[in-house]
Amino acid sequence: METESTLLSCYNRGCGQKFNPLENPKDACRHHPGLPFFHDAYKGWSCCNKKCTDFTEFLNIKGCSYSSHSNVKPAEPEKPVVKEVEKEIVQVKPMVPVEIKRPPIDTPMTTMKPEIAQSLKQALNNVVEQEAVNISDRSESIPIGTTCKNKGCSVSYEGEQSQTTCMYHSGQPIFHEGLKYWSCCQKKTTDFNAFLNQIGCERGKHVWIEEESNDKGIECRWDWHQTGSHIVVSIYAKEYCPNISIIQINPIRLFTDLVFPKQSNASFTLDIELQRVIDVRASQASMYGTKVEIKLKKAEPGSWTKLETASAVKAAISTAKKVETLTPKIDAVDLSDL
């Protein structure tokens, strides 16, 4: 009679039954000859490639091979030998950013070639067309006998036939030690009438009505922001001329002069002394219909705290020097008799 004590446990994988060693035929045990695997939430057997995600379902997967029961534990797979390697203690020094030497403020300037947007080109075309209309209107109101305003030209306006080539002097008249001459062509004479009759050295168009000059200039709003790699300066302006406007930079300075031909060639000048060094070659500028955008590439990492005009920097330095020179004067008090 079989009792619990006479039965042995079968160690074949996936079987888990008890058996009588005296009654153990060759097909009594249904088991898995392979190894279990657990990967990416899947559980299964390598011998039959059956897998599932539920652990209980995994335990209930029937074996794929038959044999006699065995109470001998199968050999466990060998684990890879991990050699203990002596860890070399390396003292890592903190990274100290290398500060770029600040060049002098009078370092030669580089003129930037900005990218001109189509919106600005269209706005300029409109200005040119309007200027042509204004010139036509002015020509109709020019009084007969008006003298050309170019220096050294004495031609008078006698109608449309007077639109000939103007010979004029672009320089200034100079009177020195009895000599009279123009700075542009240096033809010197002592006779005043001969000086007045000197033919101009430049060719151009007659100017019958002198344009009003604008000495006050134009006030434009400007602002700036920064990214991890760039400082972006934006100047908000309309109807400026990119062909005669200037954008120049050196490693620590930005100079911009925008010219507005519609407003008697008035201009807006922005001169900024930069807080840190920039990479001139990697910087770029773009001109749009409503603003000028200048992207200055930072030559070293770090956040900029401010961006000031050169005049503001000079004023701050001047104020600081004045404060240093101020020393409080205290009257001497004799305290010996107290």
C-alpha atoms as a PDB file:
ATOM      1  CA  MET A   1       0.000   0.000   0.000  1.00  0.00           C
ATOM      2  CA  GLU A   2       1.376   3.419  -1.041  1.00  0.00           C
ATOM      3  CA  THR A   3       1.884   5.993   1.682  1.00  0.00           C
ATOM      4  CA  GLU A   4       3.076   9.575   1.602  1.00  0.00           C
ATOM      5  CA  SER A   5       6.436   8.515   2.975  1.00  0.00           C
ATOM      6  CA  THR A   6       7.078   6.067   0.167  1.00  0.00           C
ATOM      7  CA  LEU A   7       6.449   8.616  -2.611  1.00  0.00           C
ATOM      8  CA  LEU A   8       9.264  10.774  -4.070  1.00  0.00           C
ATOM      9  CA  SER A   9       9.090  14.283  -5.564  1.00  0.00           C
ATOM     10  CA  CYS A  10       9.830  14.609  -9.268  1.00  0.00           C
ATOM     11  CA  TYR A  11      12.343  17.357 -10.021  1.00  0.00           C
ATOM     12  CA  ASN A  12      11.802  17.461 -13.774  1.00  0.00           C
ATOM     13  CA  ARG A  13      10.951  21.055 -14.742  1.00  0.00           C
ATOM     14  CA  GLY A  14       7.237  21.649 -15.164  1.00  0.00           C
ATOM     15  CA  CYS A  15       6.182  18.348 -13.529  1.00  0.00           C
ATOM     16  CA  GLY A  16       6.030  18.849  -9.734  1.00  0.00           C
ATOM     17  CA  GLN A  17       4.293  15.492  -9.039  1.00  0.00           C
ATOM     18  CA  LYS A  18       5.100  12.765  -6.520  1.00  0.00           C
ATOM     19  CA  PHE A  19       5.767   9.235  -7.819  1.00  0.00           C
ATOM     20  CA  ASN A  20       6.368   5.654  -6.679  1.00  0.00           C
ATOM     21  CA  PRO A  21       9.858   4.625  -7.783  1.00  0.00           C
ATOM     22  CA  LEU A  22       8.603   1.032  -8.208  1.00  0.00           C
ATOM     23  CA  GLU A  23       5.959   2.196 -10.690  1.00  0.00           C
ATOM     24  CA  ASN A  24       7.740   4.668 -12.973  1.00  0.00           C
ATOM     25  CA  PRO A  25       7.226   3.942 -16.714  1.00  0.00           C
ATOM     26  CA  LYS A  26       9.080   5.878 -19.454  1.00  0.00           C
ATOM     27  CA  ASP A  27       6.094   8.132 -20.238  1.00  0.00           C
ATOM     28  CA  ALA A  28       4.924   8.784 -16.695  1.00  0.00           C
ATOM     29  CA  CYS A  29       6.423  12.330 -16.500  1.00  0.00           C
ATOM     30  CA  ARG A  30       5.382  15.221 -18.741  1.00  0.00           C
ATOM     31  CA  HIS A  31       7.900  18.025 -18.343  1.00  0.00           C
ATOM     32  CA  HIS A  32       9.993  20.765 -20.032  1.00  0.00           C
ATOM     33  CA  PRO A  33      13.583  19.789 -20.852  1.00  0.00           C
ATOM     34  CA  GLY A  34      14.481  23.447 -21.516  1.00  0.00           C
ATOM     35  CA  LEU A  35      14.910  26.423 -19.211  1.00  0.00           C
ATOM     36  CA  PRO A  36      12.349  29.050 -18.189  1.00  0.00           C
ATOM     37  CA  PHE A  37      12.883  32.589 -19.433  1.00  0.00           C
ATOM     38  CA  PHE A  38      11.534  35.960 -18.319  1.00  0.00           C
ATOM     39  CA  HIS A  39      11.962  38.875 -20.731  1.00  0.00           C
ATOM     40  CA  ASP A  40       9.990  42.104 -21.357  1.00  0.00           C
ATOM     41  CA  ALA A  41       7.063  40.926 -19.147  1.00  0.00           C
ATOM     42  CA  TYR A  42       6.913  37.619 -21.060  1.00  0.00           C
ATOM     43  CA  LYS A  43       7.320  34.259 -19.289  1.00  0.00           C
ATOM     44  CA  GLY A  44       7.915  30.997 -21.139  1.00  0.00           C
ATOM     45  CA  TRP A  45      10.052  27.913 -21.842  1.00  0.00           C
ATOM     46  CA  SER A  46      13.004  27.781 -24.202  1.00  0.00           C
ATOM     47  CA  CYS A  47      12.219  24.200 -25.315  1.00  0.00           C
ATOM     48  CA  CYS A  48       8.781  24.789 -26.778  1.00  0.00           C
ATOM     49  CA  ASN A  49       8.754  28.581 -27.254  1.00  0.00           C
ATOM     50  CA  LYS A  50       5.485  28.908 -25.350  1.00  0.00           C
ATOM     51  CA  LYS A  51       5.155  32.241 -23.607  1.00  0.00           C
ATOM     52  CA  CYS A  52       2.586  34.385 -21.799  1.00  0.00           C
ATOM     53  CA  THR A  53       2.395  37.451 -19.581  1.00  0.00           C
ATOM     54  CA  ASP A  54       0.475  35.964 -16.638  1.00  0.00           C
ATOM     55  CA  PHE A  55       2.573  34.066 -14.078  1.00  0.00           C
ATOM     56  CA  THR A  56      -0.203  31.615 -13.137  1.00  0.00           C
ATOM     57  CA  GLU A  57      -0.750  30.834 -16.795  1.00  0.00           C
ATOM     58  CA  PHE A  58       3.000  30.264 -17.125  1.00  0.00           C
ATOM     59  CA  LEU A  59       2.945  27.720 -14.275  1.00  0.00           C
ATOM     60  CA  ASN A  60       0.102  25.846 -15.981  1.00  0.00           C
ATOM     61  CA  ILE A  61       1.865  25.406 -19.325  1.00  0.00           C
ATOM     62  CA  LYS A  62       1.998  21.661 -19.939  1.00  0.00           C
ATOM     63  CA  GLY A  63       5.355  20.024 -20.581  1.00  0.00           C
ATOM     64  CA  CYS A  64       6.404  19.308 -24.150  1.00  0.00           C
ATOM     65  CA  SER A  65       8.361  16.051 -23.478  1.00  0.00           C
ATOM     66  CA  TYR A  66       7.716  12.671 -21.812  1.00  0.00           C
ATOM     67  CA  SER A  67      10.061  10.536 -19.698  1.00  0.00           C
ATOM     68  CA  SER A  68      10.257   8.760 -16.357  1.00  0.00           C
ATOM     69  CA  HIS A  69      10.006  10.773 -13.174  1.00  0.00           C
ATOM     70  CA  SER A  70      13.276  11.705 -11.552  1.00  0.00           C
ATOM     71  CA  ASN A  71      14.067  12.724  -7.998  1.00  0.00           C
ATOM     72  CA  VAL A  72      17.495  14.067  -8.988  1.00  0.00           C
ATOM     73  CA  LYS A  73      17.649  17.858  -9.144  1.00  0.00           C
ATOM     74  CA  PRO A  74      18.816  19.051 -12.578  1.00  0.00           C
ATOM     75  CA  ALA A  75      22.048  21.007 -12.674  1.00  0.00           C
ATOM     76  CA  GLU A  76      21.599  24.760 -12.426  1.00  0.00           C
ATOM     77  CA  PRO A  77      23.010  26.739 -15.345  1.00  0.00           C
ATOM     78  CA  GLU A  78      26.419  28.206 -14.644  1.00  0.00           C
ATOM     79  CA  LYS A  79      26.456  31.870 -13.834  1.00  0.00           C
ATOM     80  CA  PRO A  80      29.097  34.003 -15.518  1.00  0.00           C
ATOM     81  CA  VAL A  81      32.054  34.620 -13.284  1.00  0.00           C
ATOM     82  CA  VAL A  82      32.366  38.272 -12.402  1.00  0.00           C
ATOM     83  CA  LYS A  83      35.944  39.202 -11.733  1.00  0.00           C
ATOM     84  CA  GLU A  84      36.410  41.838  -9.165  1.00  0.00           C
ATOM     85  CA  VAL A  85      38.458  44.581 -10.700  1.00  0.00           C
ATOM     86  CA  GLU A  86      40.183  46.932  -8.418  1.00  0.00           C
ATOM     87  CA  LYS A  87      38.567  50.255  -8.872  1.00  0.00           C
ATOM     88  CA  GLU A  88      41.122  52.919  -9.509  1.00  0.00           C
ATOM     89  CA  ILE A  89      40.192  56.056  -7.680  1.00  0.00           C
ATOM     90  CA  VAL A  90      40.491  58.931 -10.096  1.00  0.00           C
ATOM     91  CA  GLN A  91      40.214  62.413  -8.726  1.00  0.00           C
ATOM     92  CA  VAL A  92      38.213  64.407 -11.248  1.00  0.00           C
ATOM     93  CA  LYS A  93      39.060  68.061 -11.224  1.00  0.00           C
ATOM     94  CA  PRO A  94      36.136  70.463 -11.682  1.00  0.00           C
ATOM     95  CA  MET A  95      35.904  72.060 -15.107  1.00  0.00           C
ATOM     96  CA  VAL A  96      36.912  75.677 -14.946  1.00  0.00           C
ATOM     97  CA  PRO A  97      35.782  77.674 -17.997  1.00  0.00           C
ATOM     98  CA  VAL A  98      38.649  79.395 -19.756  1.00  0.00           C
ATOM     99  CA  GLU A  99      37.964  83.115 -19.831  1.00  0.00           C
ATOM    100  CA  ILE A 100      38.655  84.656 -23.216  1.00  0.00           C
ATOM    101  CA  LYS A 101      40.948  87.648 -23.068  1.00  0.00           C
ATOM    102  CA  ARG A 102      38.984  90.820 -23.775  1.00  0.00           C
ATOM    103  CA  PRO A 103      40.415  92.662 -26.809  1.00  0.00           C
ATOM    104  CA  PRO A 104      40.705  96.483 -26.872  1.00  0.00           C
ATOM    105  CA  ILE A 105      37.632  98.513 -27.820  1.00  0.00           C
ATOM    106  CA  ASP A 106      39.415  99.974 -30.875  1.00  0.00           C
ATOM    107  CA  THR A 107      39.876  96.542 -32.504  1.00  0.00           C
ATOM    108  CA  PRO A 108      39.204  96.906 -36.276  1.00  0.00           C
ATOM    109  CA  MET A 109      35.509  96.643 -37.147  1.00  0.00           C
ATOM    110  CA  THR A 110      34.052  94.118 -39.591  1.00  0.00           C
ATOM    111  CA  THR A 111      31.183  95.244 -41.847  1.00  0.00           C
ATOM    112  CA  MET A 112      28.355  92.710 -41.857  1.00  0.00           C
ATOM    113  CA  LYS A 113      26.481  91.717 -45.025  1.00  0.00           C
ATOM    114  CA  PRO A 114      22.885  91.347 -43.857  1.00  0.00           C
ATOM    115  CA  GLU A 115      20.257  89.157 -45.459  1.00  0.00           C
ATOM    116  CA  ILE A 116      17.568  91.457 -46.927  1.00  0.00           C
ATOM    117  CA  ALA A 117      13.989  90.188 -46.698  1.00  0.00           C
ATOM    118  CA  GLN A 118      11.540  90.538 -49.576  1.00  0.00           C
ATOM    119  CA  SER A 119       9.210  92.645 -47.404  1.00  0.00           C
ATOM    120  CA  LEU A 120      11.910  95.327 -47.070  1.00  0.00           C
ATOM    121  CA  LYS A 121      12.675  95.301 -50.802  1.00  0.00           C
ATOM    122  CA  GLN A 122       8.987  95.938 -51.577  1.00  0.00           C
ATOM    123  CA  ALA A 123       8.827  98.770 -49.031  1.00  0.00           C
ATOM    124  CA  LEU A 124      11.890 100.406 -50.609  1.00  0.00           C
ATOM    125  CA  ASN A 125      10.366 100.143 -54.085  1.00  0.00           C
ATOM    126  CA  ASN A 126       7.335 102.041 -52.804  1.00  0.00           C
ATOM    127  CA  VAL A 127       9.609 104.747 -51.343  1.00  0.00           C
ATOM    128  CA  VAL A 128      11.501 105.117 -54.647  1.00  0.00           C
ATOM    129  CA  GLU A 129       8.250 105.414 -56.620  1.00  0.00           C
ATOM    130  CA  GLN A 130       6.920 108.035 -54.206  1.00  0.00           C
ATOM    131  CA  GLU A 131      10.211 109.960 -54.361  1.00  0.00           C
ATOM    132  CA  ALA A 132       9.994 110.021 -58.175  1.00  0.00           C
ATOM    133  CA  VAL A 133       6.505 111.496 -57.905  1.00  0.00           C
ATOM    134  CA  ASN A 134       7.733 114.112 -55.424  1.00  0.00           C
ATOM    135  CA  ILE A 135      10.623 115.100 -57.719  1.00  0.00           C
ATOM    136  CA  SER A 136       8.187 115.451 -60.623  1.00  0.00           C
ATOM    137  CA  ASP A 137       5.916 117.635 -58.505  1.00  0.00           C
ATOM    138  CA  ARG A 138       8.850 119.798 -57.417  1.00  0.00           C
ATOM    139  CA  SER A 139      10.124 120.203 -60.980  1.00  0.00           C
ATOM    140  CA  GLU A 140       6.780 121.662 -62.024  1.00  0.00           C
ATOM    141  CA  SER A 141       7.078 124.335 -59.321  1.00  0.00           C
ATOM    142  CA  ILE A 142      10.721 125.359 -59.975  1.00  0.00           C
ATOM    143  CA  PRO A 143      10.833 129.083 -60.846  1.00  0.00           C
ATOM    144  CA  ILE A 144      12.586 130.006 -64.096  1.00  0.00           C
ATOM    145  CA  GLY A 145      16.020 131.413 -63.382  1.00  0.00           C
ATOM    146  CA  THR A 146      16.648 129.288 -60.241  1.00  0.00           C
ATOM    147  CA  THR A 147      20.381 128.607 -59.856  1.00  0.00           C
ATOM    148  CA  CYS A 148      21.668 125.067 -59.259  1.00  0.00           C
ATOM    149  CA  LYS A 149      22.446 124.508 -55.575  1.00  0.00           C
ATOM    150  CA  ASN A 150      25.509 122.303 -56.211  1.00  0.00           C
ATOM    151  CA  LYS A 151      28.807 123.981 -55.252  1.00  0.00           C
ATOM    152  CA  GLY A 152      30.631 125.543 -58.200  1.00  0.00           C
ATOM    153  CA  CYS A 153      27.698 125.191 -60.623  1.00  0.00           C
ATOM    154  CA  SER A 154      26.213 128.429 -61.999  1.00  0.00           C
ATOM    155  CA  VAL A 155      23.634 126.943 -64.402  1.00  0.00           C
ATOM    156  CA  SER A 156      20.119 128.429 -64.116  1.00  0.00           C
ATOM    157  CA  TYR A 157      16.845 126.561 -64.606  1.00  0.00           C
ATOM    158  CA  GLU A 158      15.159 127.422 -67.924  1.00  0.00           C
ATOM    159  CA  GLY A 159      12.680 124.535 -68.125  1.00  0.00           C
ATOM    160  CA  GLU A 160      12.994 120.805 -68.891  1.00  0.00           C
ATOM    161  CA  GLN A 161      15.829 121.514 -71.366  1.00  0.00           C
ATOM    162  CA  SER A 162      17.955 122.540 -68.369  1.00  0.00           C
ATOM    163  CA  GLN A 163      18.217 118.913 -67.134  1.00  0.00           C
ATOM    164  CA  THR A 164      21.806 118.571 -68.362  1.00  0.00           C
ATOM    165  CA  THR A 165      24.834 117.086 -66.660  1.00  0.00           C
ATOM    166  CA  CYS A 166      25.922 119.139 -63.660  1.00  0.00           C
ATOM    167  CA  MET A 167      29.645 119.836 -63.164  1.00  0.00           C
ATOM    168  CA  TYR A 168      30.177 120.691 -59.501  1.00  0.00           C
ATOM    169  CA  HIS A 169      32.647 120.519 -56.625  1.00  0.00           C
ATOM    170  CA  SER A 170      32.030 117.928 -53.932  1.00  0.00           C
ATOM    171  CA  GLY A 171      34.561 119.433 -51.507  1.00  0.00           C
ATOM    172  CA  GLN A 172      34.769 122.646 -49.519  1.00  0.00           C
ATOM    173  CA  PRO A 173      36.220 126.038 -50.563  1.00  0.00           C
ATOM    174  CA  ILE A 174      39.564 126.805 -48.896  1.00  0.00           C
ATOM    175  CA  PHE A 175      41.193 130.231 -48.520  1.00  0.00           C
ATOM    176  CA  HIS A 176      44.684 130.041 -47.074  1.00  0.00           C
ATOM    177  CA  GLU A 177      47.614 132.481 -47.265  1.00  0.00           C
ATOM    178  CA  GLY A 178      46.177 134.260 -50.310  1.00  0.00           C
ATOM    179  CA  LEU A 179      45.400 131.012 -52.170  1.00  0.00           C
ATOM    180  CA  LYS A 180      41.887 130.022 -53.105  1.00  0.00           C
ATOM    181  CA  TYR A 181      40.925 126.433 -54.098  1.00  0.00           C
ATOM    182  CA  TRP A 182      38.522 123.556 -53.629  1.00  0.00           C
ATOM    183  CA  SER A 183      39.490 120.674 -51.308  1.00  0.00           C
ATOM    184  CA  CYS A 184      38.255 118.108 -53.866  1.00  0.00           C
ATOM    185  CA  CYS A 185      40.530 119.042 -56.795  1.00  0.00           C
ATOM    186  CA  GLN A 186      43.282 121.278 -55.269  1.00  0.00           C
ATOM    187  CA  LYS A 187      43.433 123.731 -58.221  1.00  0.00           C
ATOM    188  CA  LYS A 188      44.961 126.733 -56.467  1.00  0.00           C
ATOM    189  CA  THR A 189      44.760 130.347 -57.614  1.00  0.00           C
ATOM    190  CA  THR A 190      45.208 133.807 -56.148  1.00  0.00           C
ATOM    191  CA  ASP A 191      42.493 135.454 -58.283  1.00  0.00           C
ATOM    192  CA  PHE A 192      38.994 135.266 -56.808  1.00  0.00           C
ATOM    193  CA  ASN A 193      37.214 135.441 -60.206  1.00  0.00           C
ATOM    194  CA  ALA A 194      39.386 132.614 -61.524  1.00  0.00           C
ATOM    195  CA  PHE A 195      38.423 130.609 -58.434  1.00  0.00           C
ATOM    196  CA  LEU A 196      34.700 131.206 -59.062  1.00  0.00           C
ATOM    197  CA  ASN A 197      35.048 130.180 -62.719  1.00  0.00           C
ATOM    198  CA  GLN A 198      36.772 126.856 -61.992  1.00  0.00           C
ATOM    199  CA  ILE A 199      34.799 124.038 -63.645  1.00  0.00           C
ATOM    200  CA  GLY A 200      33.593 121.396 -61.210  1.00  0.00           C
ATOM    201  CA  CYS A 201      35.476 118.099 -60.890  1.00  0.00           C
ATOM    202  CA  GLU A 202      32.380 115.906 -60.261  1.00  0.00           C
ATOM    203  CA  ARG A 203      29.485 114.969 -62.565  1.00  0.00           C
ATOM    204  CA  GLY A 204      25.889 114.558 -61.427  1.00  0.00           C
ATOM    205  CA  LYS A 205      22.366 115.974 -61.578  1.00  0.00           C
ATOM    206  CA  HIS A 206      21.426 119.576 -60.995  1.00  0.00           C
ATOM    207  CA  VAL A 207      19.800 120.348 -57.647  1.00  0.00           C
ATOM    208  CA  TRP A 208      17.279 123.142 -58.129  1.00  0.00           C
ATOM    209  CA  ILE A 209      15.573 122.861 -54.727  1.00  0.00           C
ATOM    210  CA  GLU A 210      17.779 122.155 -51.718  1.00  0.00           C
ATOM    211  CA  GLU A 211      16.552 119.392 -49.433  1.00  0.00           C
ATOM    212  CA  GLU A 212      15.853 120.269 -45.829  1.00  0.00           C
ATOM    213  CA  SER A 213      18.392 118.633 -43.570  1.00  0.00           C
ATOM    214  CA  ASN A 214      17.452 116.688 -40.464  1.00  0.00           C
ATOM    215  CA  ASP A 215      20.152 117.170 -37.869  1.00  0.00           C
ATOM    216  CA  LYS A 216      18.139 115.660 -35.039  1.00  0.00           C
ATOM    217  CA  GLY A 217      18.240 112.147 -36.445  1.00  0.00           C
ATOM    218  CA  ILE A 218      15.656 109.425 -35.987  1.00  0.00           C
ATOM    219  CA  GLU A 219      14.672 107.801 -32.717  1.00  0.00           C
ATOM    220  CA  CYS A 220      14.123 104.048 -33.057  1.00  0.00           C
ATOM    221  CA  ARG A 221      13.143 101.596 -30.345  1.00  0.00           C
ATOM    222  CA  TRP A 222      15.572  98.730 -29.789  1.00  0.00           C
ATOM    223  CA  ASP A 223      15.590  95.700 -27.551  1.00  0.00           C
ATOM    224  CA  TRP A 224      17.561  92.503 -26.979  1.00  0.00           C
ATOM    225  CA  HIS A 225      17.188  88.969 -25.680  1.00  0.00           C
ATOM    226  CA  GLN A 226      19.482  85.976 -25.379  1.00  0.00           C
ATOM    227  CA  THR A 227      19.572  82.227 -25.928  1.00  0.00           C
ATOM    228  CA  GLY A 228      22.193  79.783 -24.726  1.00  0.00           C
ATOM    229  CA  SER A 229      24.393  80.546 -27.726  1.00  0.00           C
ATOM    230  CA  HIS A 230      23.395  83.999 -29.066  1.00  0.00           C
ATOM    231  CA  ILE A 231      22.599  87.591 -28.150  1.00  0.00           C
ATOM    232  CA  VAL A 232      19.809  88.892 -30.413  1.00  0.00           C
ATOM    233  CA  VAL A 233      19.542  92.679 -30.893  1.00  0.00           C
ATOM    234  CA  SER A 234      16.382  94.005 -32.592  1.00  0.00           C
ATOM    235  CA  ILE A 235      16.052  97.568 -33.947  1.00  0.00           C
ATOM    236  CA  TYR A 236      12.466  98.447 -34.885  1.00  0.00           C
ATOM    237  CA  ALA A 237      12.448 100.692 -37.977  1.00  0.00           C
ATOM    238  CA  LYS A 238      10.613 101.174 -41.304  1.00  0.00           C
ATOM    239  CA  GLU A 239      11.616 102.569 -44.714  1.00  0.00           C
ATOM    240  CA  TYR A 240      15.349 102.553 -44.005  1.00  0.00           C
ATOM    241  CA  CYS A 241      17.764 101.937 -46.868  1.00  0.00           C
ATOM    242  CA  PRO A 242      19.898  98.764 -46.553  1.00  0.00           C
ATOM    243  CA  ASN A 243      22.291  99.839 -49.320  1.00  0.00           C
ATOM    244  CA  ILE A 244      23.662 102.819 -47.393  1.00  0.00           C
ATOM    245  CA  SER A 245      22.963 101.639 -43.836  1.00  0.00           C
ATOM    246  CA  ILE A 246      25.923 100.217 -41.926  1.00  0.00           C
ATOM    247  CA  ILE A 247      26.240  97.323 -39.447  1.00  0.00           C
ATOM    248  CA  GLN A 248      29.740  96.795 -38.045  1.00  0.00           C
ATOM    249  CA  ILE A 249      31.047  94.603 -35.222  1.00  0.00           C
ATOM    250  CA  ASN A 250      34.236  93.618 -33.478  1.00  0.00           C
ATOM    251  CA  PRO A 251      34.547  91.110 -30.596  1.00  0.00           C
ATOM    252  CA  ILE A 252      33.254  93.592 -27.988  1.00  0.00           C
ATOM    253  CA  ARG A 253      31.382  96.267 -29.952  1.00  0.00           C
ATOM    254  CA  LEU A 254      28.311  96.637 -32.173  1.00  0.00           C
ATOM    255  CA  PHE A 255      27.831  99.758 -34.323  1.00  0.00           C
ATOM    256  CA  THR A 256      24.710 100.330 -36.439  1.00  0.00           C
ATOM    257  CA  ASP A 257      23.788 103.355 -38.563  1.00  0.00           C
ATOM    258  CA  LEU A 258      20.408 103.120 -40.315  1.00  0.00           C
ATOM    259  CA  VAL A 259      19.689 105.732 -43.008  1.00  0.00           C
ATOM    260  CA  PHE A 260      16.138 106.867 -43.867  1.00  0.00           C
ATOM    261  CA  PRO A 261      16.119 108.421 -47.379  1.00  0.00           C
ATOM    262  CA  LYS A 262      12.455 109.419 -47.177  1.00  0.00           C
ATOM    263  CA  GLN A 263      13.226 111.655 -44.185  1.00  0.00           C
ATOM    264  CA  SER A 264      15.999 113.752 -45.775  1.00  0.00           C
ATOM    265  CA  ASN A 265      18.564 110.993 -45.253  1.00  0.00           C
ATOM    266  CA  ALA A 266      18.179 111.183 -41.490  1.00  0.00           C
ATOM    267  CA  SER A 267      19.777 108.320 -39.581  1.00  0.00           C
ATOM    268  CA  PHE A 268      19.600 106.300 -36.382  1.00  0.00           C
ATOM    269  CA  THR A 269      22.882 105.310 -34.726  1.00  0.00           C
ATOM    270  CA  LEU A 270      23.247 102.544 -32.152  1.00  0.00           C
ATOM    271  CA  ASP A 271      26.680 102.027 -30.603  1.00  0.00           C
ATOM    272  CA  ILE A 272      26.888  99.211 -28.022  1.00  0.00           C
ATOM    273  CA  GLU A 273      29.912  98.178 -25.970  1.00  0.00           C
ATOM    274  CA  LEU A 274      29.370  94.451 -25.359  1.00  0.00           C
ATOM    275  CA  GLN A 275      29.607  92.955 -21.884  1.00  0.00           C
ATOM    276  CA  ARG A 276      31.390  89.815 -23.096  1.00  0.00           C
ATOM    277  CA  VAL A 277      33.286  88.615 -26.155  1.00  0.00           C
ATOM    278  CA  ILE A 278      31.451  87.491 -29.314  1.00  0.00           C
ATOM    279  CA  ASP A 279      32.458  85.373 -32.282  1.00  0.00           C
ATOM    280  CA  VAL A 280      32.477  87.837 -35.189  1.00  0.00           C
ATOM    281  CA  ARG A 281      32.572  85.208 -37.957  1.00  0.00           C
ATOM    282  CA  ALA A 282      29.610  83.247 -36.591  1.00  0.00           C
ATOM    283  CA  SER A 283      27.409  86.334 -36.104  1.00  0.00           C
ATOM    284  CA  GLN A 284      24.805  87.375 -38.683  1.00  0.00           C
ATOM    285  CA  ALA A 285      22.289  90.102 -39.465  1.00  0.00           C
ATOM    286  CA  SER A 286      18.898  90.240 -41.210  1.00  0.00           C
ATOM    287  CA  MET A 287      16.913  93.230 -42.450  1.00  0.00           C
ATOM    288  CA  TYR A 288      13.110  93.053 -42.519  1.00  0.00           C
ATOM    289  CA  GLY A 289      10.369  95.505 -43.407  1.00  0.00           C
ATOM    290  CA  THR A 290       9.792  96.520 -39.778  1.00  0.00           C
ATOM    291  CA  LYS A 291      13.060  95.749 -38.006  1.00  0.00           C
ATOM    292  CA  VAL A 292      16.747  94.874 -38.165  1.00  0.00           C
ATOM    293  CA  GLU A 293      17.769  91.707 -36.316  1.00  0.00           C
ATOM    294  CA  ILE A 294      21.418  91.078 -35.388  1.00  0.00           C
ATOM    295  CA  LYS A 295      22.407  87.677 -33.943  1.00  0.00           C
ATOM    296  CA  LEU A 296      25.706  87.858 -32.057  1.00  0.00           C
ATOM    297  CA  LYS A 297      27.321  84.458 -31.377  1.00  0.00           C
ATOM    298  CA  LYS A 298      28.635  84.123 -27.839  1.00  0.00           C
ATOM    299  CA  ALA A 299      32.342  83.243 -27.862  1.00  0.00           C
ATOM    300  CA  GLU A 300      32.086  81.770 -24.358  1.00  0.00           C
ATOM    301  CA  PRO A 301      29.214  80.157 -22.428  1.00  0.00           C
ATOM    302  CA  GLY A 302      27.329  82.136 -19.840  1.00  0.00           C
ATOM    303  CA  SER A 303      24.372  84.436 -19.324  1.00  0.00           C
ATOM    304  CA  TRP A 304      24.641  88.168 -20.032  1.00  0.00           C
ATOM    305  CA  THR A 305      23.073  90.429 -17.426  1.00  0.00           C
ATOM    306  CA  LYS A 306      22.856  93.653 -19.417  1.00  0.00           C
ATOM    307  CA  LEU A 307      23.445  95.343 -22.761  1.00  0.00           C
ATOM    308  CA  GLU A 308      24.212  99.062 -22.753  1.00  0.00           C
ATOM    309  CA  THR A 309      25.090 101.699 -25.317  1.00  0.00           C
ATOM    310  CA  ALA A 310      28.665 102.957 -25.398  1.00  0.00           C
ATOM    311  CA  SER A 311      27.518 106.423 -24.236  1.00  0.00           C
ATOM    312  CA  ALA A 312      25.782 104.891 -21.197  1.00  0.00           C
ATOM    313  CA  VAL A 313      28.916 102.912 -20.320  1.00  0.00           C
ATOM    314  CA  LYS A 314      31.090 106.047 -20.555  1.00  0.00           C
ATOM    315  CA  ALA A 315      28.623 107.994 -18.428  1.00  0.00           C
ATOM    316  CA  ALA A 316      28.646 105.263 -15.761  1.00  0.00           C
ATOM    317  CA  ILE A 317      32.469 105.189 -15.706  1.00  0.00           C
ATOM    318  CA  SER A 318      32.603 108.979 -15.480  1.00  0.00           C
ATOM    319  CA  THR A 319      30.133 108.973 -12.570  1.00  0.00           C
ATOM    320  CA  ALA A 320      32.119 106.257 -10.760  1.00  0.00           C
ATOM    321  CA  LYS A 321      35.337 108.272 -11.093  1.00  0.00           C
ATOM    322  CA  LYS A 322      33.626 111.368  -9.712  1.00  0.00           C
ATOM    323  CA  VAL A 323      32.364 109.380  -6.711  1.00  0.00           C
ATOM    324  CA  GLU A 324      35.886 108.076  -6.040  1.00  0.00           C
ATOM    325  CA  THR A 325      37.283 111.605  -5.966  1.00  0.00           C
ATOM    326  CA  LEU A 326      34.689 112.792  -3.448  1.00  0.00           C
ATOM    327  CA  THR A 327      36.162 112.578   0.056  1.00  0.00           C
ATOM    328  CA  PRO A 328      34.120 113.738   3.030  1.00  0.00           C
ATOM    329  CA  LYS A 329      35.693 116.691   4.837  1.00  0.00           C
ATOM    330  CA  ILE A 330      35.439 116.560   8.650  1.00  0.00           C
ATOM    331  CA  ASP A 331      36.380 119.558  10.749  1.00  0.00           C
ATOM    332  CA  ALA A 332      38.954 118.798  13.421  1.00  0.00           C
ATOM    333  CA  VAL A 333      37.517 118.993  16.945  1.00  0.00           C
ATOM    334  CA  ASP A 334      39.707 119.411  20.016  1.00  0.00           C
ATOM    335  CA  LEU A 335      38.448 116.963  22.659  1.00  0.00           C
ATOM    336  CA  SER A 336      41.360 117.327  25.106  1.00  0.00           C
ATOM    337  CA  ASP A 337      39.397 119.406  27.582  1.00  0.00           C
ATOM    338  CA  LEU A 338      36.440 117.023  27.867  1.00  0.00           C
END
